[in-house]
C-alpha atoms as a PDB file:
ATOM      1  CA  MET A   1       0.000   0.000   0.000  1.00  0.00           C
ATOM      2  CA  ILE A   2       2.773   2.452   0.954  1.00  0.00           C
ATOM      3  CA  LYS A   3       4.577   1.678  -2.302  1.00  0.00           C
ATOM      4  CA  ILE A   4       1.394   2.385  -4.282  1.00  0.00           C
ATOM      5  CA  ILE A   5       0.951   5.730  -2.486  1.00  0.00           C
ATOM      6  CA  TRP A   6       4.559   6.747  -3.229  1.00  0.00           C
ATOM      7  CA  ILE A   7       4.160   5.829  -6.901  1.00  0.00           C
ATOM      8  CA  PHE A   8       0.992   7.939  -7.086  1.00  0.00           C
ATOM      9  CA  VAL A   9       2.697  10.907  -5.411  1.00  0.00           C
ATOM     10  CA  LYS A  10       5.695  10.697  -7.713  1.00  0.00           C
ATOM     11  CA  ARG A  11       3.552  10.546 -10.835  1.00  0.00           C
ATOM     12  CA  SER A  12       1.293  13.364  -9.695  1.00  0.00           C
ATOM     13  CA  LEU A  13       4.297  15.584  -9.039  1.00  0.00           C
ATOM     14  CA  VAL A  14       6.092  14.905 -12.320  1.00  0.00           C
ATOM     15  CA  SER A  15       4.499  18.099 -13.599  1.00  0.00           C
ATOM     16  CA  PRO A  16       3.708  20.169 -10.482  1.00  0.00           C
ATOM     17  CA  ASP A  17       2.721  23.262 -12.447  1.00  0.00           C
ATOM     18  CA  LEU A  18      -1.073  22.838 -12.204  1.00  0.00           C
ATOM     19  CA  TRP A  19      -1.199  21.686  -8.580  1.00  0.00           C
ATOM     20  CA  GLY A  20       1.477  24.192  -7.567  1.00  0.00           C
ATOM     21  CA  LYS A  21      -0.512  27.088  -8.989  1.00  0.00           C
ATOM     22  CA  LEU A  22      -3.611  25.853  -7.187  1.00  0.00           C
ATOM     23  CA  LEU A  23      -1.684  25.606  -3.922  1.00  0.00           C
ATOM     24  CA  GLY A  24      -0.305  29.100  -4.462  1.00  0.00           C
ATOM     25  CA  ARG A  25      -3.759  30.525  -5.075  1.00  0.00           C
ATOM     26  CA  LEU A  26      -5.072  28.957  -1.866  1.00  0.00           C
ATOM     27  CA  ILE A  27      -2.165  30.378   0.127  1.00  0.00           C
ATOM     28  CA  TYR A  28      -2.778  33.780  -1.466  1.00  0.00           C
ATOM     29  CA  LEU A  29      -6.421  33.731  -0.350  1.00  0.00           C
ATOM     30  CA  PHE A  30      -5.679  32.844   3.274  1.00  0.00           C
ATOM     31  CA  ASP A  31      -2.263  34.435   3.842  1.00  0.00           C
ATOM     32  CA  MET A  32      -3.575  37.985   4.207  1.00  0.00           C
ATOM     33  CA  PRO A  33      -0.856  39.408   6.531  1.00  0.00           C
ATOM     34  CA  ASN A  34       1.987  38.337   4.248  1.00  0.00           C
ATOM     35  CA  SER A  35       0.129  39.201   1.056  1.00  0.00           C
ATOM     36  CA  ARG A  36      -0.342  42.702   2.475  1.00  0.00           C
ATOM     37  CA  VAL A  37       3.434  42.951   3.012  1.00  0.00           C
ATOM     38  CA  GLY A  38       4.081  41.724  -0.539  1.00  0.00           C
ATOM     39  CA  ARG A  39       1.592  44.190  -1.984  1.00  0.00           C
ATOM     40  CA  ASN A  40       3.162  47.108  -0.113  1.00  0.00           C
ATOM     41  CA  ASN A  41       6.657  46.056  -1.178  1.00  0.00           C
ATOM     42  CA  LEU A  42       5.664  45.867  -4.836  1.00  0.00           C
ATOM     43  CA  LYS A  43       4.063  49.317  -4.665  1.00  0.00           C
ATOM     44  CA  PHE A  44       7.225  50.682  -3.044  1.00  0.00           C
ATOM     45  CA  ALA A  45       9.625  49.005  -5.480  1.00  0.00           C
ATOM     46  CA  PHE A  46       7.583  49.768  -8.616  1.00  0.00           C
ATOM     47  CA  PRO A  47       5.774  53.085  -7.998  1.00  0.00           C
ATOM     48  CA  ASP A  48       4.756  53.365 -11.661  1.00  0.00           C
ATOM     49  CA  TRP A  49       2.846  50.080 -11.639  1.00  0.00           C
ATOM     50  CA  THR A  50      -0.936  50.175 -11.627  1.00  0.00           C
ATOM     51  CA  PRO A  51      -2.861  48.446  -8.794  1.00  0.00           C
ATOM     52  CA  LYS A  52      -4.005  45.825 -11.313  1.00  0.00           C
ATOM     53  CA  LYS A  53      -0.435  45.026 -12.359  1.00  0.00           C
ATOM     54  CA  ILE A  54       0.692  44.824  -8.730  1.00  0.00           C
ATOM     55  CA  GLU A  55      -2.092  42.395  -7.852  1.00  0.00           C
ATOM     56  CA  MET A  56      -1.433  40.282 -10.942  1.00  0.00           C
ATOM     57  CA  ASN A  57       2.261  39.967 -10.066  1.00  0.00           C
ATOM     58  CA  LEU A  58       1.483  39.218  -6.430  1.00  0.00           C
ATOM     59  CA  LYS A  59      -0.771  36.328  -7.471  1.00  0.00           C
ATOM     60  CA  ARG A  60       1.991  35.016  -9.734  1.00  0.00           C
ATOM     61  CA  VAL A  61       4.437  35.210  -6.821  1.00  0.00           C
ATOM     62  CA  TYR A  62       2.178  32.931  -4.774  1.00  0.00           C
ATOM     63  CA  GLN A  63       1.646  30.572  -7.702  1.00  0.00           C
ATOM     64  CA  HIS A  64       5.371  30.345  -8.257  1.00  0.00           C
ATOM     65  CA  PHE A  65       5.884  29.665  -4.559  1.00  0.00           C
ATOM     66  CA  GLY A  66       3.313  26.844  -4.679  1.00  0.00           C
ATOM     67  CA  ILE A  67       5.075  25.245  -7.643  1.00  0.00           C
ATOM     68  CA  SER A  68       8.444  25.571  -5.889  1.00  0.00           C
ATOM     69  CA  VAL A  69       7.136  23.836  -2.750  1.00  0.00           C
ATOM     70  CA  LEU A  70       5.891  20.843  -4.756  1.00  0.00           C
ATOM     71  CA  GLU A  71       9.161  20.708  -6.703  1.00  0.00           C
ATOM     72  CA  LEU A  72      11.098  20.550  -3.451  1.00  0.00           C
ATOM     73  CA  LEU A  73       8.882  17.701  -2.209  1.00  0.00           C
ATOM     74  CA  GLN A  74       9.372  15.983  -5.547  1.00  0.00           C
ATOM     75  CA  THR A  75      13.143  15.838  -4.979  1.00  0.00           C
ATOM     76  CA  ALA A  76      12.539  13.357  -2.147  1.00  0.00           C
ATOM     77  CA  LEU A  77      11.604  10.850  -4.865  1.00  0.00           C
ATOM     78  CA  MET A  78      14.202  11.820  -7.480  1.00  0.00           C
ATOM     79  CA  SER A  79      17.626  10.473  -8.315  1.00  0.00           C
ATOM     80  CA  ARG A  80      20.672  12.613  -9.033  1.00  0.00           C
ATOM     81  CA  LYS A  81      20.195  11.992 -12.740  1.00  0.00           C
ATOM     82  CA  GLU A  82      16.574  13.148 -12.606  1.00  0.00           C
ATOM     83  CA  VAL A  83      17.539  16.342 -10.765  1.00  0.00           C
ATOM     84  CA  ILE A  84      20.117  17.150 -13.440  1.00  0.00           C
ATOM     85  CA  GLU A  85      17.612  16.465 -16.213  1.00  0.00           C
ATOM     86  CA  GLN A  86      15.139  18.935 -14.668  1.00  0.00           C
ATOM     87  CA  SER A  87      17.603  21.834 -14.686  1.00  0.00           C
ATOM     88  CA  ARG A  88      19.771  23.860 -17.046  1.00  0.00           C
ATOM     89  CA  VAL A  89      22.922  25.842 -16.291  1.00  0.00           C
ATOM     90  CA  THR A  90      24.710  28.838 -17.763  1.00  0.00           C
ATOM     91  CA  GLY A  91      28.041  30.260 -16.674  1.00  0.00           C
ATOM     92  CA  GLU A  92      29.301  27.080 -15.013  1.00  0.00           C
ATOM     93  CA  ASN A  93      32.828  27.929 -16.151  1.00  0.00           C
ATOM     94  CA  TYR A  94      32.824  30.824 -13.683  1.00  0.00           C
ATOM     95  CA  LEU A  95      32.488  28.334 -10.846  1.00  0.00           C
ATOM     96  CA  TYR A  96      35.110  25.978 -12.242  1.00  0.00           C
ATOM     97  CA  GLN A  97      37.615  28.826 -12.546  1.00  0.00           C
ATOM     98  CA  ALA A  98      36.804  30.113  -9.069  1.00  0.00           C
ATOM     99  CA  LEU A  99      37.340  26.681  -7.521  1.00  0.00           C
ATOM    100  CA  LYS A 100      40.791  26.434  -9.113  1.00  0.00           C
ATOM    101  CA  LYS A 101      41.986  29.319  -6.930  1.00  0.00           C
ATOM    102  CA  GLY A 102      41.709  27.109  -3.853  1.00  0.00           C
ATOM    103  CA  LYS A 103      40.223  29.894  -1.717  1.00  0.00           C
ATOM    104  CA  GLY A 104      36.741  28.466  -1.495  1.00  0.00           C
ATOM    105  CA  VAL A 105      33.776  30.042  -3.272  1.00  0.00           C
ATOM    106  CA  ILE A 106      30.883  32.146  -1.987  1.00  0.00           C
ATOM    107  CA  LEU A 107      27.656  31.684  -3.925  1.00  0.00           C
ATOM    108  CA  VAL A 108      25.470  34.709  -3.304  1.00  0.00           C
ATOM    109  CA  SER A 109      21.781  34.486  -4.130  1.00  0.00           C
ATOM    110  CA  ALA A 110      18.311  35.657  -3.105  1.00  0.00           C
ATOM    111  CA  HIS A 111      14.855  34.212  -2.494  1.00  0.00           C
ATOM    112  CA  ILE A 112      14.045  34.200  -6.188  1.00  0.00           C
ATOM    113  CA  GLY A 113      13.155  31.361  -8.536  1.00  0.00           C
ATOM    114  CA  ASN A 114      13.562  27.982  -6.863  1.00  0.00           C
ATOM    115  CA  TRP A 115      16.751  28.468  -4.900  1.00  0.00           C
ATOM    116  CA  GLU A 116      16.357  25.112  -3.139  1.00  0.00           C
ATOM    117  CA  ILE A 117      16.324  23.168  -6.423  1.00  0.00           C
ATOM    118  CA  GLY A 118      19.286  25.231  -7.587  1.00  0.00           C
ATOM    119  CA  LEU A 119      21.337  24.068  -4.612  1.00  0.00           C
ATOM    120  CA  HIS A 120      20.369  20.440  -5.287  1.00  0.00           C
ATOM    121  CA  PHE A 121      21.350  20.854  -8.902  1.00  0.00           C
ATOM    122  CA  LEU A 122      24.761  22.297  -8.009  1.00  0.00           C
ATOM    123  CA  ALA A 123      25.525  19.394  -5.668  1.00  0.00           C
ATOM    124  CA  CYS A 124      24.540  16.853  -8.330  1.00  0.00           C
ATOM    125  CA  ARG A 125      26.138  18.634 -11.284  1.00  0.00           C
ATOM    126  CA  PHE A 126      29.489  19.407  -9.644  1.00  0.00           C
ATOM    127  CA  ALA A 127      29.561  16.280  -7.445  1.00  0.00           C
ATOM    128  CA  ARG A 128      30.485  18.215  -4.331  1.00  0.00           C
ATOM    129  CA  PRO A 129      28.473  19.500  -1.373  1.00  0.00           C
ATOM    130  CA  ILE A 130      27.268  23.056  -0.936  1.00  0.00           C
ATOM    131  CA  ILE A 131      27.341  24.420   2.602  1.00  0.00           C
ATOM    132  CA  LEU A 132      24.068  26.166   3.430  1.00  0.00           C
ATOM    133  CA  VAL A 133      23.931  28.795   6.147  1.00  0.00           C
ATOM    134  CA  THR A 134      20.437  28.910   7.600  1.00  0.00           C
ATOM    135  CA  ARG A 135      18.552  28.957  10.873  1.00  0.00           C
ATOM    136  CA  GLU A 136      16.280  26.373  12.451  1.00  0.00           C
ATOM    137  CA  PHE A 137      12.584  27.022  12.608  1.00  0.00           C
ATOM    138  CA  ARG A 138       9.561  25.554  14.301  1.00  0.00           C
ATOM    139  CA  PRO A 139       7.928  23.111  14.522  1.00  0.00           C
ATOM    140  CA  LYS A 140      10.879  20.769  14.930  1.00  0.00           C
ATOM    141  CA  LEU A 141       9.279  18.056  12.797  1.00  0.00           C
ATOM    142  CA  LEU A 142       8.928  20.411   9.832  1.00  0.00           C
ATOM    143  CA  ASN A 143      12.478  21.668  10.344  1.00  0.00           C
ATOM    144  CA  ASN A 144      13.798  18.091  10.282  1.00  0.00           C
ATOM    145  CA  LEU A 145      11.888  17.337   7.066  1.00  0.00           C
ATOM    146  CA  TYR A 146      13.197  20.508   5.471  1.00  0.00           C
ATOM    147  CA  ALA A 147      16.752  19.653   6.542  1.00  0.00           C
ATOM    148  CA  TYR A 148      16.407  16.169   5.057  1.00  0.00           C
ATOM    149  CA  LEU A 149      15.221  17.542   1.726  1.00  0.00           C
ATOM    150  CA  ARG A 150      18.010  20.115   1.668  1.00  0.00           C
ATOM    151  CA  THR A 151      20.803  17.647   2.425  1.00  0.00           C
ATOM    152  CA  ARG A 152      19.592  14.622   0.466  1.00  0.00           C
ATOM    153  CA  PHE A 153      22.234  15.005  -2.248  1.00  0.00           C
ATOM    154  CA  GLY A 154      25.121  15.747   0.083  1.00  0.00           C
ATOM    155  CA  ASN A 155      24.687  19.421   0.926  1.00  0.00           C
ATOM    156  CA  ARG A 156      25.513  20.421   4.498  1.00  0.00           C
ATOM    157  CA  ILE A 157      23.780  22.855   6.845  1.00  0.00           C
ATOM    158  CA  ILE A 158      25.335  25.084   9.485  1.00  0.00           C
ATOM    159  CA  ASP A 159      23.234  27.255  11.758  1.00  0.00           C
ATOM    160  CA  SER A 160      23.368  30.976  11.066  1.00  0.00           C
ATOM    161  CA  LYS A 161      23.841  31.902  14.736  1.00  0.00           C
ATOM    162  CA  GLY A 162      27.475  32.521  15.634  1.00  0.00           C
ATOM    163  CA  THR A 163      28.861  30.742  12.579  1.00  0.00           C
ATOM    164  CA  PHE A 164      31.300  33.290  11.159  1.00  0.00           C
ATOM    165  CA  ASN A 165      34.360  31.289  12.225  1.00  0.00           C
ATOM    166  CA  LYS A 166      32.829  28.119  10.754  1.00  0.00           C
ATOM    167  CA  MET A 167      32.259  29.922   7.454  1.00  0.00           C
ATOM    168  CA  VAL A 168      35.856  31.149   7.417  1.00  0.00           C
ATOM    169  CA  GLU A 169      37.076  27.609   8.131  1.00  0.00           C
ATOM    170  CA  ALA A 170      34.940  26.179   5.315  1.00  0.00           C
ATOM    171  CA  LEU A 171      36.273  28.670   2.770  1.00  0.00           C
ATOM    172  CA  ARG A 172      39.864  28.070   3.817  1.00  0.00           C
ATOM    173  CA  GLN A 173      39.263  24.372   3.232  1.00  0.00           C
ATOM    174  CA  GLY A 174      38.167  25.172  -0.328  1.00  0.00           C
ATOM    175  CA  ASP A 175      34.451  24.534   0.219  1.00  0.00           C
ATOM    176  CA  ILE A 176      31.486  26.172  -1.530  1.00  0.00           C
ATOM    177  CA  LEU A 177      29.400  28.386   0.733  1.00  0.00           C
ATOM    178  CA  ALA A 178      25.879  29.558  -0.209  1.00  0.00           C
ATOM    179  CA  LEU A 179      24.504  32.769   1.326  1.00  0.00           C
ATOM    180  CA  MET A 180      21.385  34.859   0.787  1.00  0.00           C
ATOM    181  CA  ALA A 181      21.929  38.576   0.189  1.00  0.00           C
ATOM    182  CA  ASP A 182      18.327  39.754   0.446  1.00  0.00           C
ATOM    183  CA  VAL A 183      17.498  39.021   4.090  1.00  0.00           C
ATOM    184  CA  PRO A 184      16.990  42.215   6.138  1.00  0.00           C
ATOM    185  CA  ARG A 185      19.402  42.576   9.037  1.00  0.00           C
ATOM    186  CA  LYS A 186      19.795  45.143  11.766  1.00  0.00           C
ATOM    187  CA  LYS A 187      23.010  43.900  13.341  1.00  0.00           C
ATOM    188  CA  TYR A 188      26.201  43.475  11.348  1.00  0.00           C
ATOM    189  CA  SER A 189      24.770  45.373   8.410  1.00  0.00           C
ATOM    190  CA  VAL A 190      25.322  48.509   6.357  1.00  0.00           C
ATOM    191  CA  GLY A 191      22.972  50.923   4.668  1.00  0.00           C
ATOM    192  CA  VAL A 192      22.424  50.268   0.955  1.00  0.00           C
ATOM    193  CA  ASN A 193      20.209  51.541  -1.805  1.00  0.00           C
ATOM    194  CA  PHE A 194      17.643  48.977  -2.916  1.00  0.00           C
ATOM    195  CA  PHE A 195      15.078  49.888  -5.584  1.00  0.00           C
ATOM    196  CA  GLY A 196      15.865  53.532  -4.950  1.00  0.00           C
ATOM    197  CA  HIS A 197      15.196  53.318  -1.196  1.00  0.00           C
ATOM    198  CA  LEU A 198      17.513  53.021   1.767  1.00  0.00           C
ATOM    199  CA  THR A 199      17.602  49.708   3.623  1.00  0.00           C
ATOM    200  CA  ARG A 200      20.091  47.588   5.526  1.00  0.00           C
ATOM    201  CA  SER A 201      21.905  44.482   4.302  1.00  0.00           C
ATOM    202  CA  ALA A 202      24.226  42.110   6.105  1.00  0.00           C
ATOM    203  CA  TYR A 203      27.863  42.630   5.182  1.00  0.00           C
ATOM    204  CA  VAL A 204      28.901  39.020   5.892  1.00  0.00           C
ATOM    205  CA  VAL A 205      29.530  38.169   2.212  1.00  0.00           C
ATOM    206  CA  ALA A 206      31.775  41.199   1.755  1.00  0.00           C
ATOM    207  CA  LEU A 207      33.623  40.501   4.999  1.00  0.00           C
ATOM    208  CA  LEU A 208      34.215  36.842   4.133  1.00  0.00           C
ATOM    209  CA  ALA A 209      35.406  37.746   0.628  1.00  0.00           C
ATOM    210  CA  ILE A 210      37.907  40.245   2.041  1.00  0.00           C
ATOM    211  CA  ARG A 211      39.053  38.057   4.923  1.00  0.00           C
ATOM    212  CA  CYS A 212      39.486  34.846   2.885  1.00  0.00           C
ATOM    213  CA  ASN A 213      40.133  36.322  -0.585  1.00  0.00           C
ATOM    214  CA  SER A 214      37.324  34.087  -1.848  1.00  0.00           C
ATOM    215  CA  PRO A 215      35.547  34.691  -5.172  1.00  0.00           C
ATOM    216  CA  VAL A 216      31.888  35.716  -4.945  1.00  0.00           C
ATOM    217  CA  ILE A 217      29.684  34.196  -7.659  1.00  0.00           C
ATOM    218  CA  PRO A 218      26.114  35.516  -8.168  1.00  0.00           C
ATOM    219  CA  THR A 219      23.821  32.475  -8.463  1.00  0.00           C
ATOM    220  CA  PHE A 220      20.133  32.514  -9.393  1.00  0.00           C
ATOM    221  CA  ALA A 221      17.912  29.480 -10.034  1.00  0.00           C
ATOM    222  CA  LEU A 222      15.230  30.923 -12.318  1.00  0.00           C
ATOM    223  CA  ARG A 223      12.280  29.357 -14.105  1.00  0.00           C
ATOM    224  CA  ASN A 224      12.054  29.733 -17.884  1.00  0.00           C
ATOM    225  CA  ALA A 225       8.940  29.811 -20.069  1.00  0.00           C
ATOM    226  CA  GLU A 226       9.014  26.006 -20.491  1.00  0.00           C
ATOM    227  CA  GLY A 227       8.976  25.489 -16.726  1.00  0.00           C
ATOM    228  CA  PHE A 228      12.586  24.331 -16.411  1.00  0.00           C
ATOM    229  CA  ILE A 229      14.846  25.702 -13.696  1.00  0.00           C
ATOM    230  CA  TYR A 230      17.919  27.251 -15.214  1.00  0.00           C
ATOM    231  CA  LEU A 231      20.822  28.133 -12.992  1.00  0.00           C
ATOM    232  CA  GLU A 232      22.569  31.396 -13.843  1.00  0.00           C
ATOM    233  CA  LEU A 233      26.124  31.599 -12.527  1.00  0.00           C
ATOM    234  CA  GLY A 234      27.452  35.116 -13.071  1.00  0.00           C
ATOM    235  CA  ALA A 235      30.917  36.564 -13.333  1.00  0.00           C
ATOM    236  CA  PRO A 236      32.689  37.016  -9.969  1.00  0.00           C
ATOM    237  CA  VAL A 237      31.796  40.213  -8.162  1.00  0.00           C
ATOM    238  CA  ASP A 238      34.569  42.803  -8.257  1.00  0.00           C
ATOM    239  CA  ILE A 239      35.377  42.893  -4.539  1.00  0.00           C
ATOM    240  CA  ARG A 240      37.038  46.105  -3.382  1.00  0.00           C
ATOM    241  CA  ASN A 241      39.803  45.744  -0.772  1.00  0.00           C
ATOM    242  CA  THR A 242      41.552  49.053  -0.131  1.00  0.00           C
ATOM    243  CA  GLY A 243      42.320  48.485   3.547  1.00  0.00           C
ATOM    244  CA  ASN A 244      39.533  50.798   4.688  1.00  0.00           C
ATOM    245  CA  LEU A 245      37.281  48.056   6.017  1.00  0.00           C
ATOM    246  CA  ARG A 246      34.255  50.218   6.839  1.00  0.00           C
ATOM    247  CA  THR A 247      34.119  51.728   3.360  1.00  0.00           C
ATOM    248  CA  ASP A 248      34.970  48.465   1.619  1.00  0.00           C
ATOM    249  CA  LEU A 249      32.139  46.628   3.383  1.00  0.00           C
ATOM    250  CA  GLN A 250      29.624  49.272   2.331  1.00  0.00           C
ATOM    251  CA  VAL A 251      30.812  49.464  -1.296  1.00  0.00           C
ATOM    252  CA  ASN A 252      30.955  45.687  -1.766  1.00  0.00           C
ATOM    253  CA  THR A 253      27.589  45.092  -0.110  1.00  0.00           C
ATOM    254  CA  GLN A 254      26.052  47.709  -2.393  1.00  0.00           C
ATOM    255  CA  ARG A 255      27.565  45.992  -5.438  1.00  0.00           C
ATOM    256  CA  ILE A 256      26.043  42.681  -4.394  1.00  0.00           C
ATOM    257  CA  THR A 257      22.700  44.359  -3.667  1.00  0.00           C
ATOM    258  CA  ASP A 258      22.708  45.903  -7.165  1.00  0.00           C
ATOM    259  CA  ILE A 259      23.172  42.451  -8.722  1.00  0.00           C
ATOM    260  CA  VAL A 260      20.274  41.074  -6.682  1.00  0.00           C
ATOM    261  CA  GLU A 261      18.070  44.012  -7.653  1.00  0.00           C
ATOM    262  CA  GLU A 262      18.808  43.464 -11.344  1.00  0.00           C
ATOM    263  CA  ALA A 263      17.653  39.840 -11.062  1.00  0.00           C
ATOM    264  CA  LEU A 264      14.494  40.897  -9.220  1.00  0.00           C
ATOM    265  CA  ARG A 265      13.624  43.530 -11.807  1.00  0.00           C
ATOM    266  CA  SER A 266      13.957  40.904 -14.544  1.00  0.00           C
ATOM    267  CA  HIS A 267      11.773  38.337 -12.727  1.00  0.00           C
ATOM    268  CA  PRO A 268       9.552  40.160 -10.203  1.00  0.00           C
ATOM    269  CA  ASP A 269       6.951  37.375 -10.277  1.00  0.00           C
ATOM    270  CA  GLN A 270       9.506  34.829  -9.020  1.00  0.00           C
ATOM    271  CA  TYR A 271      10.679  36.740  -5.954  1.00  0.00           C
ATOM    272  CA  LEU A 272       9.422  36.241  -2.412  1.00  0.00           C
ATOM    273  CA  TRP A 273       8.223  39.788  -1.726  1.00  0.00           C
ATOM    274  CA  MET A 274       6.832  38.925   1.724  1.00  0.00           C
ATOM    275  CA  GLN A 275       9.938  40.043   3.634  1.00  0.00           C
ATOM    276  CA  LYS A 276       9.845  43.368   5.482  1.00  0.00           C
ATOM    277  CA  ARG A 277      12.822  44.543   3.472  1.00  0.00           C
ATOM    278  CA  TRP A 278      12.582  48.262   4.257  1.00  0.00           C
ATOM    279  CA  LYS A 279      11.378  48.078   7.867  1.00  0.00           C
ATOM    280  CA  ASP A 280      14.363  49.906   9.407  1.00  0.00           C
ATOM    281  CA  TYR A 281      13.871  53.126   7.453  1.00  0.00           C
ATOM    282  CA  TYR A 282      10.241  52.904   6.334  1.00  0.00           C
ATOM    283  CA  PRO A 283       8.359  51.110   9.133  1.00  0.00           C
ATOM    284  CA  TRP A 284       5.079  52.700   7.999  1.00  0.00           C
ATOM    285  CA  LEU A 285       5.115  50.219   5.101  1.00  0.00           C
ATOM    286  CA  TYR A 286       4.351  47.454   7.584  1.00  0.00           C
ATOM    287  CA  PRO A 287       1.634  48.528  10.067  1.00  0.00           C
ATOM    288  CA  SER A 288       1.718  45.232  11.989  1.00  0.00           C
ATOM    289  CA  TYR A 289       5.493  45.475  12.427  1.00  0.00           C
ATOM    290  CA  ARG A 290       5.196  49.095  13.584  1.00  0.00           C
ATOM    291  CA  ALA A 291       2.514  48.101  16.102  1.00  0.00           C
ATOM    292  CA  ARG A 292       4.656  45.249  17.466  1.00  0.00           C
ATOM    293  CA  ARG A 293       7.659  47.539  17.747  1.00  0.00           C
ATOM    294  CA  LYS A 294       5.567  50.106  19.646  1.00  0.00           C
ATOM    295  CA  ARG A 295       4.316  47.434  22.055  1.00  0.00           C
ATOM    296  CA  SER A 296       7.873  46.184  22.552  1.00  0.00           C
ATOM    297  CA  SER A 297       9.087  49.703  23.290  1.00  0.00           C
ATOM    298  CA  MET A 298       6.297  50.165  25.842  1.00  0.00           C
ATOM    299  CA  ARG A 299       7.203  46.884  27.573  1.00  0.00           C
ATOM    300  CA  ASN A 300      10.867  47.867  27.726  1.00  0.00           C
ATOM    301  CA  PHE A 301       9.913  51.259  29.139  1.00  0.00           C
ATOM    302  CA  GLU A 302       7.689  49.686  31.788  1.00  0.00           C
ATOM    303  CA  GLN A 303      10.378  47.193  32.788  1.00  0.00           C
ATOM    304  CA  SER A 304      12.938  49.982  33.021  1.00  0.00           C
ATOM    305  CA  SER A 305      10.558  52.074  35.153  1.00  0.00           C
ATOM    306  CA  ARG A 306       9.998  49.203  37.574  1.00  0.00           C
ATOM    307  CA  LEU A 307      13.746  48.635  37.920  1.00  0.00           C
ATOM    308  CA  ASN A 308      14.314  52.287  38.674  1.00  0.00           C
END
């Protein structure tokens, strides 16, 4: 019976486009808080777009997300050969050349396309593990399933909390490290321009590149018109290292942010717009976040008053 169920699941997910879009539409209907964030972000990033165009792209974002979720589940039933057959790659020579330097490689990406499938494809195509820097989430059972899917083809996970030394060690051993450049950060970040608006981005990629002299390769796993995932490996980022660390971190982080923005402008319907990307400088974009921050400030004030 279990074997029959697995065969049915595998066959039904061979082409997850239809079911993925349906799943995405359902999430769109019920995920009102996050859809509100996505809508506000799209308005902010593309002020010349009409409300109709914004809503159309937001629906496509959810549909794409639904397809990506089913594709990730599908990998639990796929072989290495099948993963390779489902993907295409351009610019792989950039990675080969970077690996020859023996300084490790930093793959910098964003939550666009199907980044999870892209990491699987890299591990299968290049026959070496990718080290993923991420954080655990709840519930534990879901986190364990996610970790299994992510590491099934040899990739390794290290927790994002207090891992800088581990990342340095990995690069000095010649490993491939994958980092996201679009996650908002307050600590260990610098101000950058993103879609014409000020925000903050973590400078960890720039710091690692300077510290370890490691090449930084932009990597985006995008979906083409035929539904295939094609992995774009770009030319190494020109990392500035003048000795003025503060300035170098800001300049290099901005360069990486510009590359991410270019990819997002080309494929806005494949990006996960539900992050509060501009919350540090434009909190009014996210009323729920502003309300939580106000409540937190009040609690801190009350605690401080009691202590005094």
